[in-house]
C-alpha atoms as a PDB file:
ATOM      1  CA  MET A   1       0.000   0.000   0.000  1.00  0.00           C
ATOM      2  CA  THR A   2       1.302   3.458  -0.899  1.00  0.00           C
ATOM      3  CA  ASP A   3       2.428   5.625   2.020  1.00  0.00           C
ATOM      4  CA  ALA A   4      -0.148   8.415   2.363  1.00  0.00           C
ATOM      5  CA  ALA A   5       2.642  10.925   2.976  1.00  0.00           C
ATOM      6  CA  VAL A   6       4.094  10.159  -0.471  1.00  0.00           C
ATOM      7  CA  ASN A   7       1.090  10.677  -2.710  1.00  0.00           C
ATOM      8  CA  TYR A   8       2.828  12.225  -5.696  1.00  0.00           C
ATOM      9  CA  PRO A   9       4.795  10.819  -8.670  1.00  0.00           C
ATOM     10  CA  SER A  10       8.424  10.031  -7.963  1.00  0.00           C
ATOM     11  CA  LEU A  11      11.402  10.900 -10.129  1.00  0.00           C
ATOM     12  CA  ILE A  12      12.235   8.132 -12.590  1.00  0.00           C
ATOM     13  CA  VAL A  13      15.323   9.264 -14.508  1.00  0.00           C
ATOM     14  CA  PRO A  14      18.439   7.209 -13.668  1.00  0.00           C
ATOM     15  CA  VAL A  15      21.792   8.790 -12.935  1.00  0.00           C
ATOM     16  CA  GLY A  16      23.927   8.888 -16.071  1.00  0.00           C
ATOM     17  CA  HIS A  17      20.987   9.205 -18.450  1.00  0.00           C
ATOM     18  CA  VAL A  18      21.854  11.253 -21.568  1.00  0.00           C
ATOM     19  CA  GLU A  19      19.433  12.746 -24.082  1.00  0.00           C
ATOM     20  CA  PRO A  20      19.696  15.323 -26.888  1.00  0.00           C
ATOM     21  CA  ALA A  21      18.322  18.810 -26.176  1.00  0.00           C
ATOM     22  CA  PRO A  22      16.492  19.936 -29.341  1.00  0.00           C
ATOM     23  CA  ARG A  23      16.979  23.659 -28.783  1.00  0.00           C
ATOM     24  CA  ARG A  24      19.648  26.311 -29.225  1.00  0.00           C
ATOM     25  CA  VAL A  25      21.569  26.825 -25.969  1.00  0.00           C
ATOM     26  CA  ARG A  26      23.765  29.855 -25.342  1.00  0.00           C
ATOM     27  CA  GLY A  27      25.825  31.129 -22.431  1.00  0.00           C
ATOM     28  CA  PHE A  28      27.272  34.583 -21.740  1.00  0.00           C
ATOM     29  CA  ILE A  29      29.794  36.050 -19.308  1.00  0.00           C
ATOM     30  CA  GLU A  30      29.912  39.815 -18.844  1.00  0.00           C
ATOM     31  CA  GLY A  31      27.804  40.167 -21.975  1.00  0.00           C
ATOM     32  CA  LEU A  32      30.198  38.148 -24.153  1.00  0.00           C
ATOM     33  CA  PRO A  33      29.352  34.725 -25.625  1.00  0.00           C
ATOM     34  CA  VAL A  34      30.860  31.607 -24.052  1.00  0.00           C
ATOM     35  CA  PHE A  35      29.140  28.998 -26.181  1.00  0.00           C
ATOM     36  CA  ASP A  36      26.425  28.793 -28.805  1.00  0.00           C
ATOM     37  CA  THR A  37      25.251  25.309 -29.668  1.00  0.00           C
ATOM     38  CA  GLN A  38      22.400  23.392 -31.217  1.00  0.00           C
ATOM     39  CA  ARG A  39      23.995  20.115 -30.100  1.00  0.00           C
ATOM     40  CA  ALA A  40      23.643  20.371 -26.331  1.00  0.00           C
ATOM     41  CA  LEU A  41      22.949  17.232 -24.335  1.00  0.00           C
ATOM     42  CA  TYR A  42      20.967  16.687 -21.181  1.00  0.00           C
ATOM     43  CA  VAL A  43      22.841  14.617 -18.599  1.00  0.00           C
ATOM     44  CA  TRP A  44      21.447  13.514 -15.241  1.00  0.00           C
ATOM     45  CA  GLU A  45      24.099  13.579 -12.522  1.00  0.00           C
ATOM     46  CA  TRP A  46      21.295  12.845 -10.030  1.00  0.00           C
ATOM     47  CA  PRO A  47      17.634  11.967 -10.658  1.00  0.00           C
ATOM     48  CA  ALA A  48      16.143  15.341  -9.728  1.00  0.00           C
ATOM     49  CA  TYR A  49      17.091  17.390 -12.790  1.00  0.00           C
ATOM     50  CA  PRO A  50      19.527  17.491 -15.722  1.00  0.00           C
ATOM     51  CA  GLN A  51      22.535  19.615 -16.557  1.00  0.00           C
ATOM     52  CA  TYR A  52      23.594  20.794 -19.999  1.00  0.00           C
ATOM     53  CA  CYS A  53      26.693  19.393 -21.662  1.00  0.00           C
ATOM     54  CA  VAL A  54      28.087  21.540 -24.461  1.00  0.00           C
ATOM     55  CA  PRO A  55      30.387  20.317 -27.246  1.00  0.00           C
ATOM     56  CA  VAL A  56      33.826  21.845 -26.728  1.00  0.00           C
ATOM     57  CA  ASP A  57      33.865  22.592 -30.455  1.00  0.00           C
ATOM     58  CA  ASP A  58      30.961  25.011 -29.926  1.00  0.00           C
ATOM     59  CA  LEU A  59      32.823  27.344 -27.568  1.00  0.00           C
ATOM     60  CA  ALA A  60      32.895  30.957 -28.759  1.00  0.00           C
ATOM     61  CA  ALA A  61      35.999  32.336 -30.440  1.00  0.00           C
ATOM     62  CA  GLY A  62      38.623  33.264 -27.861  1.00  0.00           C
ATOM     63  CA  VAL A  63      37.167  31.012 -25.141  1.00  0.00           C
ATOM     64  CA  THR A  64      39.336  28.166 -23.880  1.00  0.00           C
ATOM     65  CA  LEU A  65      39.156  25.591 -21.116  1.00  0.00           C
ATOM     66  CA  ALA A  66      42.327  25.006 -19.087  1.00  0.00           C
ATOM     67  CA  ASP A  67      42.802  21.699 -17.267  1.00  0.00           C
ATOM     68  CA  GLU A  68      43.247  22.352 -13.514  1.00  0.00           C
ATOM     69  CA  ASP A  69      44.764  18.908 -12.946  1.00  0.00           C
ATOM     70  CA  ARG A  70      41.884  17.845 -10.766  1.00  0.00           C
ATOM     71  CA  ALA A  71      40.036  14.632 -11.480  1.00  0.00           C
ATOM     72  CA  GLY A  72      36.582  13.881 -10.160  1.00  0.00           C
ATOM     73  CA  HIS A  73      33.787  11.371 -10.501  1.00  0.00           C
ATOM     74  CA  LEU A  74      30.383  12.860 -11.200  1.00  0.00           C
ATOM     75  CA  GLY A  75      27.203  10.819 -11.361  1.00  0.00           C
ATOM     76  CA  PRO A  76      27.640   9.568 -14.948  1.00  0.00           C
ATOM     77  CA  GLY A  77      31.394   8.947 -14.699  1.00  0.00           C
ATOM     78  CA  PRO A  78      34.896  10.420 -14.454  1.00  0.00           C
ATOM     79  CA  ALA A  79      35.661  13.995 -15.491  1.00  0.00           C
ATOM     80  CA  ARG A  80      38.406  16.594 -15.163  1.00  0.00           C
ATOM     81  CA  ARG A  81      37.869  20.092 -13.828  1.00  0.00           C
ATOM     82  CA  HIS A  82      38.728  23.038 -16.081  1.00  0.00           C
ATOM     83  CA  ALA A  83      38.958  26.801 -15.742  1.00  0.00           C
ATOM     84  CA  LEU A  84      37.297  29.021 -18.318  1.00  0.00           C
ATOM     85  CA  ARG A  85      39.460  31.678 -19.926  1.00  0.00           C
ATOM     86  CA  ARG A  86      38.612  34.535 -22.237  1.00  0.00           C
ATOM     87  CA  GLY A  87      41.289  37.197 -22.648  1.00  0.00           C
ATOM     88  CA  SER A  88      42.178  38.455 -19.174  1.00  0.00           C
ATOM     89  CA  LEU A  89      39.095  36.830 -17.630  1.00  0.00           C
ATOM     90  CA  THR A  90      39.516  33.541 -15.766  1.00  0.00           C
ATOM     91  CA  ARG A  91      36.831  31.601 -13.921  1.00  0.00           C
ATOM     92  CA  PRO A  92      38.300  28.681 -11.968  1.00  0.00           C
ATOM     93  CA  GLY A  93      36.338  25.449 -11.738  1.00  0.00           C
ATOM     94  CA  ALA A  94      33.928  26.584 -14.442  1.00  0.00           C
ATOM     95  CA  ALA A  95      33.538  23.288 -16.270  1.00  0.00           C
ATOM     96  CA  TRP A  96      34.008  19.550 -16.085  1.00  0.00           C
ATOM     97  CA  VAL A  97      35.226  17.826 -19.247  1.00  0.00           C
ATOM     98  CA  TRP A  98      34.252  14.168 -19.399  1.00  0.00           C
ATOM     99  CA  ALA A  99      37.058  11.625 -19.340  1.00  0.00           C
ATOM    100  CA  ASP A 100      37.419   7.990 -20.394  1.00  0.00           C
ATOM    101  CA  GLY A 101      34.834   5.895 -18.621  1.00  0.00           C
ATOM    102  CA  ALA A 102      31.990   8.417 -18.909  1.00  0.00           C
ATOM    103  CA  PRO A 103      29.067   7.627 -21.238  1.00  0.00           C
ATOM    104  CA  GLU A 104      30.257   7.590 -24.832  1.00  0.00           C
ATOM    105  CA  ALA A 105      27.672  10.192 -25.846  1.00  0.00           C
ATOM    106  CA  LEU A 106      29.389  12.749 -23.587  1.00  0.00           C
ATOM    107  CA  ALA A 107      32.790  12.489 -25.280  1.00  0.00           C
ATOM    108  CA  GLY A 108      34.036  15.888 -26.401  1.00  0.00           C
ATOM    109  CA  THR A 109      31.554  17.809 -24.218  1.00  0.00           C
ATOM    110  CA  ALA A 110      31.878  19.965 -21.123  1.00  0.00           C
ATOM    111  CA  ARG A 111      29.426  20.357 -18.273  1.00  0.00           C
ATOM    112  CA  PHE A 112      29.577  23.987 -17.127  1.00  0.00           C
ATOM    113  CA  THR A 113      28.917  24.868 -13.507  1.00  0.00           C
ATOM    114  CA  TRP A 114      25.693  26.853 -13.623  1.00  0.00           C
ATOM    115  CA  ASP A 115      26.920  29.866 -11.671  1.00  0.00           C
ATOM    116  CA  ALA A 116      30.147  30.074 -13.688  1.00  0.00           C
ATOM    117  CA  VAL A 117      28.079  31.406 -16.587  1.00  0.00           C
ATOM    118  CA  ASP A 118      26.312  34.733 -16.022  1.00  0.00           C
ATOM    119  CA  GLU A 119      23.369  34.155 -18.363  1.00  0.00           C
ATOM    120  CA  TRP A 120      21.902  31.049 -19.955  1.00  0.00           C
ATOM    121  CA  PHE A 121      19.423  31.055 -22.844  1.00  0.00           C
ATOM    122  CA  GLU A 122      17.272  28.415 -24.466  1.00  0.00           C
ATOM    123  CA  GLU A 123      16.536  29.879 -27.891  1.00  0.00           C
ATOM    124  CA  ASP A 124      15.866  33.553 -26.979  1.00  0.00           C
ATOM    125  CA  GLU A 125      14.424  32.933 -23.516  1.00  0.00           C
ATOM    126  CA  ARG A 126      16.642  33.298 -20.453  1.00  0.00           C
ATOM    127  CA  ILE A 127      16.559  30.365 -18.064  1.00  0.00           C
ATOM    128  CA  PHE A 128      17.476  30.145 -14.385  1.00  0.00           C
ATOM    129  CA  VAL A 129      18.812  27.656 -11.795  1.00  0.00           C
ATOM    130  CA  HIS A 130      19.135  24.646 -14.144  1.00  0.00           C
ATOM    131  CA  PRO A 131      17.667  23.310 -17.400  1.00  0.00           C
ATOM    132  CA  ARG A 132      14.018  22.410 -17.167  1.00  0.00           C
ATOM    133  CA  SER A 133      13.712  18.646 -17.194  1.00  0.00           C
ATOM    134  CA  PRO A 134      11.755  17.245 -20.159  1.00  0.00           C
ATOM    135  CA  TYR A 135      10.415  14.631 -17.724  1.00  0.00           C
ATOM    136  CA  THR A 136       9.066  17.065 -15.140  1.00  0.00           C
ATOM    137  CA  HIS A 137       5.463  18.176 -15.479  1.00  0.00           C
ATOM    138  CA  VAL A 138       3.958  21.126 -13.607  1.00  0.00           C
ATOM    139  CA  ASP A 139       0.221  21.936 -13.453  1.00  0.00           C
ATOM    140  CA  ALA A 140      -1.521  24.758 -11.592  1.00  0.00           C
ATOM    141  CA  LEU A 141      -5.198  23.926 -11.127  1.00  0.00           C
ATOM    142  CA  ARG A 142      -7.870  26.024  -9.417  1.00  0.00           C
ATOM    143  CA  SER A 143      -9.992  24.199  -6.846  1.00  0.00           C
ATOM    144  CA  ASN A 144     -12.888  25.141  -4.571  1.00  0.00           C
ATOM    145  CA  ARG A 145     -11.679  22.706  -1.903  1.00  0.00           C
ATOM    146  CA  PRO A 146     -11.118  24.582   1.393  1.00  0.00           C
ATOM    147  CA  VAL A 147      -7.670  24.666   2.965  1.00  0.00           C
ATOM    148  CA  ARG A 148      -6.832  25.453   6.592  1.00  0.00           C
ATOM    149  CA  ILE A 149      -3.289  25.895   7.878  1.00  0.00           C
ATOM    150  CA  GLU A 150      -2.343  25.524  11.547  1.00  0.00           C
ATOM    151  CA  ILE A 151       1.043  25.915  13.225  1.00  0.00           C
ATOM    152  CA  GLU A 152       1.368  24.689  16.804  1.00  0.00           C
ATOM    153  CA  GLY A 153      -2.425  24.750  17.067  1.00  0.00           C
ATOM    154  CA  THR A 154      -2.744  28.331  15.789  1.00  0.00           C
ATOM    155  CA  VAL A 155      -4.804  28.919  12.642  1.00  0.00           C
ATOM    156  CA  VAL A 156      -2.714  31.056  10.277  1.00  0.00           C
ATOM    157  CA  ALA A 157      -4.799  30.607   7.119  1.00  0.00           C
ATOM    158  CA  ASP A 158      -8.336  29.483   6.354  1.00  0.00           C
ATOM    159  CA  ALA A 159      -9.256  29.714   2.657  1.00  0.00           C
ATOM    160  CA  PRO A 160     -12.399  28.547   0.848  1.00  0.00           C
ATOM    161  CA  SER A 161     -10.439  27.689  -2.304  1.00  0.00           C
ATOM    162  CA  THR A 162      -6.925  27.102  -3.550  1.00  0.00           C
ATOM    163  CA  VAL A 163      -4.680  26.766  -6.585  1.00  0.00           C
ATOM    164  CA  MET A 164      -3.021  23.376  -6.437  1.00  0.00           C
ATOM    165  CA  VAL A 165       0.408  22.995  -8.020  1.00  0.00           C
ATOM    166  CA  PHE A 166       1.250  19.444  -9.064  1.00  0.00           C
ATOM    167  CA  GLU A 167       4.937  18.978  -9.856  1.00  0.00           C
ATOM    168  CA  THR A 168       6.733  15.733 -10.611  1.00  0.00           C
ATOM    169  CA  GLY A 169       8.800  14.582  -7.658  1.00  0.00           C
ATOM    170  CA  LEU A 170       7.396  17.093  -5.158  1.00  0.00           C
ATOM    171  CA  PRO A 171       4.401  17.189  -2.811  1.00  0.00           C
ATOM    172  CA  THR A 172       1.304  19.041  -3.991  1.00  0.00           C
ATOM    173  CA  ARG A 173       1.519  22.717  -3.021  1.00  0.00           C
ATOM    174  CA  TYR A 174      -1.583  24.713  -2.085  1.00  0.00           C
ATOM    175  CA  TYR A 175      -1.505  28.400  -3.037  1.00  0.00           C
ATOM    176  CA  LEU A 176      -3.960  30.636  -1.175  1.00  0.00           C
ATOM    177  CA  ASP A 177      -5.335  34.149  -1.602  1.00  0.00           C
ATOM    178  CA  ARG A 178      -3.607  36.498   0.825  1.00  0.00           C
ATOM    179  CA  VAL A 179      -6.852  37.809   2.310  1.00  0.00           C
ATOM    180  CA  TYR A 180      -7.357  34.442   4.023  1.00  0.00           C
ATOM    181  CA  VAL A 181      -3.964  34.541   5.792  1.00  0.00           C
ATOM    182  CA  ASP A 182      -3.480  35.909   9.328  1.00  0.00           C
ATOM    183  CA  TRP A 183      -0.485  38.161   8.659  1.00  0.00           C
ATOM    184  CA  THR A 184      -0.274  39.208  12.322  1.00  0.00           C
ATOM    185  CA  ARG A 185       1.252  35.777  12.939  1.00  0.00           C
ATOM    186  CA  LEU A 186       3.902  36.027  10.220  1.00  0.00           C
ATOM    187  CA  ASP A 187       7.143  37.977   9.902  1.00  0.00           C
ATOM    188  CA  PRO A 188       8.816  38.785   6.551  1.00  0.00           C
ATOM    189  CA  THR A 189      12.365  37.563   5.904  1.00  0.00           C
ATOM    190  CA  ASP A 190      15.018  38.437   3.350  1.00  0.00           C
ATOM    191  CA  THR A 191      15.070  34.968   1.791  1.00  0.00           C
ATOM    192  CA  VAL A 192      14.898  34.782  -2.017  1.00  0.00           C
ATOM    193  CA  THR A 193      14.897  31.545  -3.984  1.00  0.00           C
ATOM    194  CA  ALA A 194      14.457  30.692  -7.641  1.00  0.00           C
ATOM    195  CA  CYS A 195      12.805  27.879  -9.552  1.00  0.00           C
ATOM    196  CA  PRO A 196      13.239  27.171 -13.287  1.00  0.00           C
ATOM    197  CA  TYR A 197       9.542  26.324 -13.551  1.00  0.00           C
ATOM    198  CA  LYS A 198       8.033  29.160 -11.496  1.00  0.00           C
ATOM    199  CA  GLY A 199      10.561  32.005 -11.477  1.00  0.00           C
ATOM    200  CA  THR A 200      11.930  33.991  -8.530  1.00  0.00           C
ATOM    201  CA  THR A 201      10.122  34.358  -5.226  1.00  0.00           C
ATOM    202  CA  SER A 202       8.883  37.790  -4.212  1.00  0.00           C
ATOM    203  CA  GLY A 203       8.596  37.106  -0.497  1.00  0.00           C
ATOM    204  CA  TYR A 204       9.141  34.696   2.393  1.00  0.00           C
ATOM    205  CA  TRP A 205       7.617  34.767   5.874  1.00  0.00           C
ATOM    206  CA  SER A 206       8.280  32.966   9.139  1.00  0.00           C
ATOM    207  CA  PHE A 207       5.833  32.068  11.868  1.00  0.00           C
ATOM    208  CA  GLY A 208       6.333  34.366  14.861  1.00  0.00           C
ATOM    209  CA  GLY A 209       8.199  33.127  17.863  1.00  0.00           C
ATOM    210  CA  GLY A 210      11.666  32.621  16.469  1.00  0.00           C
ATOM    211  CA  ASP A 211      11.458  28.818  16.365  1.00  0.00           C
ATOM    212  CA  GLU A 212      13.821  27.624  13.624  1.00  0.00           C
ATOM    213  CA  ARG A 213      11.333  24.939  12.669  1.00  0.00           C
ATOM    214  CA  HIS A 214       8.993  27.689  11.476  1.00  0.00           C
ATOM    215  CA  THR A 215      11.481  29.805   9.527  1.00  0.00           C
ATOM    216  CA  ASP A 216      10.475  30.603   5.943  1.00  0.00           C
ATOM    217  CA  VAL A 217       7.296  28.516   6.057  1.00  0.00           C
ATOM    218  CA  VAL A 218       5.430  30.744   3.598  1.00  0.00           C
ATOM    219  CA  TRP A 219       6.449  32.029   0.172  1.00  0.00           C
ATOM    220  CA  ALA A 220       5.003  33.867  -2.820  1.00  0.00           C
ATOM    221  CA  TYR A 221       5.647  34.372  -6.520  1.00  0.00           C
ATOM    222  CA  ASP A 222       4.138  37.722  -7.479  1.00  0.00           C
ATOM    223  CA  PHE A 223       5.529  37.459 -11.005  1.00  0.00           C
ATOM    224  CA  PRO A 224       5.773  33.766 -11.881  1.00  0.00           C
ATOM    225  CA  THR A 225       6.560  32.348 -15.296  1.00  0.00           C
ATOM    226  CA  ARG A 226       3.711  32.482 -17.778  1.00  0.00           C
ATOM    227  CA  GLN A 227       3.142  28.737 -17.383  1.00  0.00           C
ATOM    228  CA  LEU A 228       2.384  29.223 -13.676  1.00  0.00           C
ATOM    229  CA  ALA A 229       0.377  32.446 -13.999  1.00  0.00           C
ATOM    230  CA  PRO A 230      -2.481  31.150 -11.771  1.00  0.00           C
ATOM    231  CA  ILE A 231      -0.256  31.400  -8.645  1.00  0.00           C
ATOM    232  CA  ALA A 232       0.629  35.081  -9.171  1.00  0.00           C
ATOM    233  CA  GLY A 233       0.212  36.962  -5.886  1.00  0.00           C
ATOM    234  CA  LEU A 234      -0.859  33.890  -3.926  1.00  0.00           C
ATOM    235  CA  VAL A 235       1.058  32.304  -1.038  1.00  0.00           C
ATOM    236  CA  ALA A 236       1.917  28.720  -0.177  1.00  0.00           C
ATOM    237  CA  PHE A 237       2.930  27.007   3.067  1.00  0.00           C
ATOM    238  CA  TYR A 238       5.436  24.191   3.385  1.00  0.00           C
ATOM    239  CA  ASN A 239       3.323  21.095   3.932  1.00  0.00           C
ATOM    240  CA  GLU A 240       6.334  19.572   5.691  1.00  0.00           C
ATOM    241  CA  LYS A 241       6.311  22.225   8.449  1.00  0.00           C
ATOM    242  CA  VAL A 242       2.612  22.938   9.082  1.00  0.00           C
ATOM    243  CA  ASP A 243      -0.648  21.140   9.718  1.00  0.00           C
ATOM    244  CA  LEU A 244      -2.611  21.359   6.479  1.00  0.00           C
ATOM    245  CA  TYR A 245      -6.315  20.506   6.375  1.00  0.00           C
ATOM    246  CA  LEU A 246      -7.912  19.848   2.983  1.00  0.00           C
ATOM    247  CA  ASP A 247     -11.709  19.513   2.981  1.00  0.00           C
ATOM    248  CA  GLY A 248     -11.450  19.490   6.782  1.00  0.00           C
ATOM    249  CA  VAL A 249      -9.166  16.446   6.811  1.00  0.00           C
ATOM    250  CA  LEU A 250      -5.634  16.722   8.207  1.00  0.00           C
ATOM    251  CA  LEU A 251      -3.153  15.606   5.573  1.00  0.00           C
ATOM    252  CA  PRO A 252      -0.059  13.614   6.584  1.00  0.00           C
ATOM    253  CA  ARG A 253       3.069  15.742   6.456  1.00  0.00           C
ATOM    254  CA  PRO A 254       5.250  14.772   3.488  1.00  0.00           C
ATOM    255  CA  ALA A 255       8.725  13.469   4.182  1.00  0.00           C
ATOM    256  CA  PRO A 256      11.352  16.208   3.846  1.00  0.00           C
ATOM    257  CA  VAL A 257      12.379  16.705   0.234  1.00  0.00           C
ATOM    258  CA  SER A 258      15.864  15.400  -0.578  1.00  0.00           C
ATOM    259  CA  ARG A 259      18.698  17.895  -1.026  1.00  0.00           C
ATOM    260  CA  ALA A 260      18.947  17.202  -4.764  1.00  0.00           C
ATOM    261  CA  ALA A 261      15.232  17.735  -5.283  1.00  0.00           C
ATOM    262  CA  TRP A 262      15.333  20.857  -3.105  1.00  0.00           C
ATOM    263  CA  GLU A 263      18.144  22.354  -5.204  1.00  0.00           C
ATOM    264  CA  ALA A 264      16.207  21.427  -8.328  1.00  0.00           C
ATOM    265  CA  LYS A 265      13.214  23.452  -7.283  1.00  0.00           C
ATOM    266  CA  HIS A 266      14.432  26.180  -4.915  1.00  0.00           C
ATOM    267  CA  ARG A 267      18.040  27.266  -5.085  1.00  0.00           C
ATOM    268  CA  THR A 268      19.002  30.435  -3.214  1.00  0.00           C
END
């Protein structure tokens, strides 16, 4: 019997999986091109989400990768760490070039560290955090099912309806209209996270009292991606940290999301 606390689809992509990415992928540093390719590959170093591998032959003119004499073993296989150089600019540890023993499809490609490149584009659209997985599906559905949120026995939200976000590999999230939230119980924080599927958060709040268990339990996307437009201006609570009642029934708290899945969906 399925555990009631895990009532959402799990991730199914194995580590080391490689697939072609049928889109133009470009990277820029300080406004200058680093690579421009239509031959990028998805590679899964862990099941949660892919990285892009770029053919070394598709580096921009004047860009080189310098071996730092450091070997490593990533999920799919062995690789060597390289610095990126362009003129007087050097970014250490910017890329891993796959070595013998890695999947054959990755030969001659480099996996760039995401933050080593200032801007990433798929076609002409900028992307954030990591490539969107072709195997991850996200739906935002409106529902008239009531949701009540309690923390330590205190009601902090009681809404007659919700927007449910269903996302592969993550618990269902329940986004609520702000007018049904008791803001006297919540304190704003400076936390900002980003998600490749939803965009960048516009706010986080903690439950009053200073208990670390209740830090950053609420978040909002005021300007989400167009695909997730229904959640604009709404707020969601971490199911893992609160008591969430749906249709008057207390839902089991989901198990904490793994670190890899967390980084896939919310990286600071």
